[in-house]
Amino acid sequence: MAASQGFTDQFAQPEPTPPEIAALVGPVLLEFGTEWCGYCRAAQPLIASAFQQCADVQHIKIEDGSGRGLGRAFKVKLWPTLVFLRDGMELTRLVRPQDADAIAQHMAAISRQV
């Protein structure tokens, strides 16, 4: 599974399975979207900026769409959807974020969880 500390612009290949996501340890940001989505492209500098403030969070970028199981498992309806996890459990999410500070606040919250 392609997970990295800090921001990544690469989609995970292959897509992780729900059990792999549930087994993750620590703070993780799952980003659901596509390369061609205008909203997703507009959010990239915001997400990258947030990672400058919270570099200890793993970032897993998931290409979503028809026939993609992980997006359905997380009930993703709009792109980008940012799902904030701690030890494989969803704590919060942002849909179509428009503010790097809001993303960073969510990331800081999952980093501080014990």
N, C-alpha and C. Protein backbone atom coordinates (compact mmCIF):
# COMPACT_ATOMS: atom_id res chain seq x y z
N MET A 1 0.86 -1.17 0.00
CA MET A 1 0.00 0.00 0.00
C MET A 1 0.90 1.23 0.00
N ALA A 2 0.57 2.21 -0.86
CA ALA A 2 1.39 3.42 -0.97
C ALA A 2 0.95 4.45 0.07
N ALA A 3 1.58 4.41 1.21
CA ALA A 3 1.32 5.39 2.26
C ALA A 3 2.62 6.11 2.54
N SER A 4 2.51 7.40 2.80
CA SER A 4 3.74 8.14 3.08
C SER A 4 3.47 9.12 4.21
N GLN A 5 4.54 9.41 4.95
CA GLN A 5 4.45 10.49 5.92
C GLN A 5 4.47 11.77 5.10
N GLY A 6 3.58 12.67 5.39
CA GLY A 6 3.51 13.92 4.65
C GLY A 6 2.73 13.77 3.36
N PHE A 7 2.66 14.86 2.63
CA PHE A 7 1.85 14.97 1.42
C PHE A 7 2.40 14.10 0.29
N THR A 8 1.50 13.47 -0.44
CA THR A 8 1.85 12.76 -1.67
C THR A 8 0.89 13.17 -2.76
N ASP A 9 1.39 13.25 -3.99
CA ASP A 9 0.52 13.56 -5.12
C ASP A 9 0.23 12.33 -5.96
N GLN A 10 0.64 11.15 -5.47
CA GLN A 10 0.46 9.90 -6.19
C GLN A 10 -0.70 9.09 -5.59
N PHE A 11 -1.55 8.56 -6.49
CA PHE A 11 -2.62 7.69 -6.03
C PHE A 11 -2.04 6.34 -5.63
N ALA A 12 -2.60 5.75 -4.57
CA ALA A 12 -2.15 4.45 -4.08
C ALA A 12 -2.44 3.39 -5.15
N GLN A 13 -1.44 2.59 -5.45
CA GLN A 13 -1.57 1.50 -6.39
C GLN A 13 -0.97 0.26 -5.76
N PRO A 14 -1.68 -0.80 -5.57
CA PRO A 14 -3.12 -0.91 -5.76
C PRO A 14 -3.88 -0.22 -4.63
N GLU A 15 -5.17 -0.05 -4.87
CA GLU A 15 -6.03 0.56 -3.84
C GLU A 15 -6.02 -0.33 -2.59
N PRO A 16 -5.81 0.27 -1.41
CA PRO A 16 -5.84 -0.55 -0.19
C PRO A 16 -7.24 -1.11 0.06
N THR A 17 -7.28 -2.20 0.77
CA THR A 17 -8.55 -2.84 1.12
C THR A 17 -9.05 -2.28 2.45
N PRO A 18 -10.34 -2.40 2.73
CA PRO A 18 -10.85 -1.97 4.04
C PRO A 18 -10.10 -2.61 5.21
N PRO A 19 -9.76 -3.91 5.19
CA PRO A 19 -9.00 -4.46 6.31
C PRO A 19 -7.60 -3.81 6.44
N GLU A 20 -6.96 -3.47 5.33
CA GLU A 20 -5.67 -2.80 5.40
C GLU A 20 -5.81 -1.41 6.03
N ILE A 21 -6.87 -0.71 5.69
CA ILE A 21 -7.12 0.62 6.28
C ILE A 21 -7.39 0.47 7.77
N ALA A 22 -8.20 -0.50 8.14
CA ALA A 22 -8.52 -0.71 9.56
C ALA A 22 -7.28 -1.06 10.38
N ALA A 23 -6.27 -1.65 9.76
CA ALA A 23 -5.05 -2.06 10.46
C ALA A 23 -4.01 -0.94 10.57
N LEU A 24 -4.26 0.22 9.96
CA LEU A 24 -3.30 1.31 10.02
C LEU A 24 -3.12 1.82 11.44
N VAL A 25 -1.90 2.20 11.78
CA VAL A 25 -1.57 2.69 13.10
C VAL A 25 -1.22 4.17 13.00
N GLY A 26 -1.76 4.95 13.94
CA GLY A 26 -1.44 6.38 13.99
C GLY A 26 -2.38 7.23 13.15
N PRO A 27 -2.03 8.52 12.97
CA PRO A 27 -2.88 9.44 12.23
C PRO A 27 -2.73 9.27 10.73
N VAL A 28 -3.86 9.19 10.03
CA VAL A 28 -3.86 8.98 8.58
C VAL A 28 -4.92 9.88 7.95
N LEU A 29 -4.56 10.48 6.82
CA LEU A 29 -5.53 11.21 6.00
C LEU A 29 -5.75 10.40 4.74
N LEU A 30 -6.99 9.93 4.54
CA LEU A 30 -7.40 9.30 3.28
C LEU A 30 -8.01 10.40 2.43
N GLU A 31 -7.49 10.56 1.23
CA GLU A 31 -8.01 11.56 0.30
C GLU A 31 -8.64 10.82 -0.87
N PHE A 32 -9.95 10.98 -1.04
CA PHE A 32 -10.66 10.36 -2.16
C PHE A 32 -10.91 11.40 -3.24
N GLY A 33 -10.60 11.05 -4.49
CA GLY A 33 -10.83 11.96 -5.61
C GLY A 33 -10.34 11.34 -6.90
N THR A 34 -10.19 12.19 -7.92
CA THR A 34 -9.67 11.76 -9.21
C THR A 34 -8.71 12.82 -9.74
N GLU A 35 -7.92 12.42 -10.72
CA GLU A 35 -6.98 13.36 -11.32
C GLU A 35 -7.69 14.42 -12.14
N TRP A 36 -8.82 14.10 -12.75
CA TRP A 36 -9.49 15.02 -13.66
C TRP A 36 -10.50 15.93 -12.97
N CYS A 37 -10.76 15.73 -11.71
CA CYS A 37 -11.76 16.52 -10.97
C CYS A 37 -11.21 17.92 -10.66
N GLY A 38 -11.91 18.95 -11.09
CA GLY A 38 -11.49 20.32 -10.84
C GLY A 38 -11.43 20.66 -9.36
N TYR A 39 -12.40 20.19 -8.59
CA TYR A 39 -12.40 20.42 -7.14
C TYR A 39 -11.17 19.77 -6.49
N CYS A 40 -10.84 18.56 -6.96
CA CYS A 40 -9.68 17.84 -6.42
C CYS A 40 -8.40 18.59 -6.73
N ARG A 41 -8.28 19.06 -7.96
CA ARG A 41 -7.08 19.82 -8.34
C ARG A 41 -6.95 21.09 -7.53
N ALA A 42 -8.06 21.78 -7.32
CA ALA A 42 -8.05 23.04 -6.56
C ALA A 42 -7.66 22.79 -5.10
N ALA A 43 -7.98 21.62 -4.58
CA ALA A 43 -7.69 21.31 -3.17
C ALA A 43 -6.23 20.92 -2.94
N GLN A 44 -5.50 20.52 -3.98
CA GLN A 44 -4.13 20.01 -3.79
C GLN A 44 -3.20 20.99 -3.09
N PRO A 45 -3.15 22.28 -3.48
CA PRO A 45 -2.27 23.19 -2.74
C PRO A 45 -2.70 23.39 -1.28
N LEU A 46 -4.00 23.30 -1.01
CA LEU A 46 -4.50 23.42 0.36
C LEU A 46 -4.05 22.24 1.21
N ILE A 47 -4.16 21.05 0.65
CA ILE A 47 -3.75 19.84 1.36
C ILE A 47 -2.24 19.86 1.59
N ALA A 48 -1.49 20.22 0.55
CA ALA A 48 -0.02 20.29 0.68
C ALA A 48 0.38 21.30 1.75
N SER A 49 -0.30 22.44 1.81
CA SER A 49 -0.02 23.45 2.82
C SER A 49 -0.31 22.92 4.23
N ALA A 50 -1.41 22.21 4.38
CA ALA A 50 -1.77 21.64 5.69
C ALA A 50 -0.71 20.65 6.14
N PHE A 51 -0.15 19.88 5.20
CA PHE A 51 0.88 18.91 5.56
C PHE A 51 2.17 19.59 6.01
N GLN A 52 2.39 20.82 5.64
CA GLN A 52 3.57 21.55 6.13
C GLN A 52 3.46 21.79 7.63
N GLN A 53 2.22 21.83 8.14
CA GLN A 53 1.99 22.06 9.57
C GLN A 53 1.89 20.75 10.35
N CYS A 54 1.57 19.65 9.68
CA CYS A 54 1.34 18.37 10.36
C CYS A 54 2.01 17.25 9.56
N ALA A 55 3.30 17.23 9.53
CA ALA A 55 4.04 16.27 8.70
C ALA A 55 4.01 14.84 9.24
N ASP A 56 3.53 14.63 10.47
CA ASP A 56 3.54 13.28 11.04
C ASP A 56 2.34 12.44 10.62
N VAL A 57 1.43 13.00 9.85
CA VAL A 57 0.24 12.29 9.40
C VAL A 57 0.56 11.53 8.10
N GLN A 58 0.15 10.26 8.02
CA GLN A 58 0.27 9.50 6.78
C GLN A 58 -0.78 10.01 5.80
N HIS A 59 -0.42 10.07 4.53
CA HIS A 59 -1.34 10.51 3.49
C HIS A 59 -1.52 9.37 2.50
N ILE A 60 -2.75 8.94 2.31
CA ILE A 60 -3.06 7.92 1.31
C ILE A 60 -4.09 8.51 0.37
N LYS A 61 -3.68 8.66 -0.88
CA LYS A 61 -4.53 9.26 -1.90
C LYS A 61 -5.19 8.13 -2.68
N ILE A 62 -6.52 8.12 -2.70
CA ILE A 62 -7.30 7.04 -3.30
C ILE A 62 -8.04 7.56 -4.52
N GLU A 63 -7.79 6.93 -5.68
CA GLU A 63 -8.55 7.28 -6.87
C GLU A 63 -9.92 6.63 -6.75
N ASP A 64 -10.96 7.47 -6.79
CA ASP A 64 -12.32 6.99 -6.57
C ASP A 64 -13.08 6.99 -7.89
N GLY A 65 -14.17 6.29 -7.93
CA GLY A 65 -15.02 6.26 -9.11
C GLY A 65 -15.83 4.98 -9.15
N SER A 66 -16.53 4.81 -10.24
CA SER A 66 -17.39 3.66 -10.44
C SER A 66 -16.57 2.37 -10.30
N GLY A 67 -17.09 1.44 -9.53
CA GLY A 67 -16.44 0.16 -9.34
C GLY A 67 -15.31 0.16 -8.32
N ARG A 68 -15.09 1.28 -7.65
CA ARG A 68 -14.03 1.37 -6.65
C ARG A 68 -14.63 1.11 -5.27
N GLY A 69 -14.20 0.02 -4.67
CA GLY A 69 -14.82 -0.45 -3.43
C GLY A 69 -14.54 0.39 -2.20
N LEU A 70 -13.33 0.95 -2.07
CA LEU A 70 -12.99 1.66 -0.85
C LEU A 70 -13.82 2.93 -0.69
N GLY A 71 -14.02 3.66 -1.79
CA GLY A 71 -14.87 4.85 -1.73
C GLY A 71 -16.29 4.52 -1.32
N ARG A 72 -16.80 3.40 -1.80
CA ARG A 72 -18.16 2.98 -1.41
C ARG A 72 -18.17 2.59 0.06
N ALA A 73 -17.12 1.92 0.52
CA ALA A 73 -17.06 1.51 1.93
C ALA A 73 -17.09 2.73 2.86
N PHE A 74 -16.50 3.86 2.41
CA PHE A 74 -16.49 5.08 3.20
C PHE A 74 -17.64 6.03 2.83
N LYS A 75 -18.55 5.56 1.97
CA LYS A 75 -19.74 6.34 1.59
C LYS A 75 -19.37 7.71 1.02
N VAL A 76 -18.35 7.73 0.17
CA VAL A 76 -17.92 8.96 -0.48
C VAL A 76 -18.93 9.33 -1.56
N LYS A 77 -19.42 10.57 -1.52
CA LYS A 77 -20.41 11.06 -2.49
C LYS A 77 -19.83 12.16 -3.38
N LEU A 78 -18.97 13.02 -2.82
CA LEU A 78 -18.40 14.14 -3.56
C LEU A 78 -16.88 14.10 -3.43
N TRP A 79 -16.20 14.67 -4.41
CA TRP A 79 -14.74 14.74 -4.40
C TRP A 79 -14.28 16.17 -4.25
N PRO A 80 -13.17 16.41 -3.64
CA PRO A 80 -12.46 15.44 -2.81
C PRO A 80 -13.14 15.29 -1.46
N THR A 81 -13.04 14.10 -0.92
CA THR A 81 -13.46 13.84 0.45
C THR A 81 -12.20 13.45 1.22
N LEU A 82 -11.96 14.15 2.31
CA LEU A 82 -10.82 13.87 3.18
C LEU A 82 -11.34 13.18 4.44
N VAL A 83 -10.87 11.97 4.67
CA VAL A 83 -11.27 11.18 5.83
C VAL A 83 -10.07 11.11 6.78
N PHE A 84 -10.28 11.57 8.00
CA PHE A 84 -9.22 11.64 9.00
C PHE A 84 -9.36 10.46 9.95
N LEU A 85 -8.33 9.62 9.98
CA LEU A 85 -8.36 8.38 10.77
C LEU A 85 -7.30 8.42 11.87
N ARG A 86 -7.58 7.70 12.93
CA ARG A 86 -6.59 7.43 13.96
C ARG A 86 -6.67 5.95 14.26
N ASP A 87 -5.57 5.24 14.07
CA ASP A 87 -5.52 3.79 14.29
C ASP A 87 -6.66 3.06 13.55
N GLY A 88 -6.86 3.44 12.30
CA GLY A 88 -7.83 2.77 11.44
C GLY A 88 -9.28 3.15 11.63
N MET A 89 -9.56 4.05 12.56
CA MET A 89 -10.95 4.47 12.84
C MET A 89 -11.17 5.90 12.36
N GLU A 90 -12.27 6.12 11.65
CA GLU A 90 -12.60 7.47 11.19
C GLU A 90 -13.01 8.33 12.37
N LEU A 91 -12.38 9.51 12.47
CA LEU A 91 -12.74 10.46 13.52
C LEU A 91 -13.53 11.63 12.96
N THR A 92 -13.22 12.04 11.74
CA THR A 92 -13.89 13.18 11.14
C THR A 92 -13.62 13.17 9.64
N ARG A 93 -14.30 14.06 8.92
CA ARG A 93 -14.05 14.20 7.49
C ARG A 93 -14.38 15.61 7.02
N LEU A 94 -13.77 15.97 5.91
CA LEU A 94 -14.07 17.24 5.22
C LEU A 94 -14.40 16.90 3.77
N VAL A 95 -15.44 17.54 3.25
CA VAL A 95 -15.82 17.34 1.85
C VAL A 95 -15.61 18.67 1.12
N ARG A 96 -14.90 18.59 0.00
CA ARG A 96 -14.56 19.76 -0.80
C ARG A 96 -13.99 20.90 0.04
N PRO A 97 -12.88 20.64 0.72
CA PRO A 97 -12.29 21.67 1.59
C PRO A 97 -11.85 22.88 0.78
N GLN A 98 -11.98 24.05 1.40
CA GLN A 98 -11.61 25.30 0.74
C GLN A 98 -10.64 26.12 1.59
N ASP A 99 -10.11 25.52 2.65
CA ASP A 99 -9.28 26.26 3.59
C ASP A 99 -8.19 25.34 4.15
N ALA A 100 -6.93 25.69 3.91
CA ALA A 100 -5.81 24.89 4.40
C ALA A 100 -5.80 24.81 5.91
N ASP A 101 -6.20 25.90 6.58
CA ASP A 101 -6.20 25.89 8.05
C ASP A 101 -7.20 24.89 8.61
N ALA A 102 -8.36 24.76 7.97
CA ALA A 102 -9.36 23.79 8.43
C ALA A 102 -8.81 22.36 8.29
N ILE A 103 -8.13 22.10 7.18
CA ILE A 103 -7.52 20.78 6.98
C ILE A 103 -6.47 20.54 8.05
N ALA A 104 -5.61 21.54 8.28
CA ALA A 104 -4.55 21.41 9.29
C ALA A 104 -5.12 21.20 10.69
N GLN A 105 -6.24 21.86 11.01
CA GLN A 105 -6.87 21.67 12.33
C GLN A 105 -7.34 20.24 12.51
N HIS A 106 -7.95 19.67 11.47
CA HIS A 106 -8.39 18.27 11.54
C HIS A 106 -7.19 17.34 11.68
N MET A 107 -6.11 17.63 10.95
CA MET A 107 -4.91 16.81 11.03
C MET A 107 -4.28 16.90 12.42
N ALA A 108 -4.24 18.10 12.97
CA ALA A 108 -3.67 18.27 14.32
C ALA A 108 -4.50 17.51 15.34
N ALA A 109 -5.81 17.49 15.16
CA ALA A 109 -6.69 16.79 16.10
C ALA A 109 -6.41 15.28 16.08
N ILE A 110 -6.20 14.69 14.91
CA ILE A 110 -5.94 13.25 14.89
C ILE A 110 -4.52 12.94 15.35
N SER A 111 -3.62 13.91 15.23
CA SER A 111 -2.24 13.72 15.70
C SER A 111 -2.17 13.72 17.21
N ARG A 112 -3.04 14.48 17.85
CA ARG A 112 -3.02 14.61 19.31
C ARG A 112 -3.75 13.50 20.03
N GLN A 113 -4.58 12.74 19.34
CA GLN A 113 -5.34 11.68 19.99
C GLN A 113 -4.39 10.69 20.66
N VAL A 114 -4.82 10.14 21.76
CA VAL A 114 -3.99 9.14 22.46
C VAL A 114 -4.70 7.81 22.44
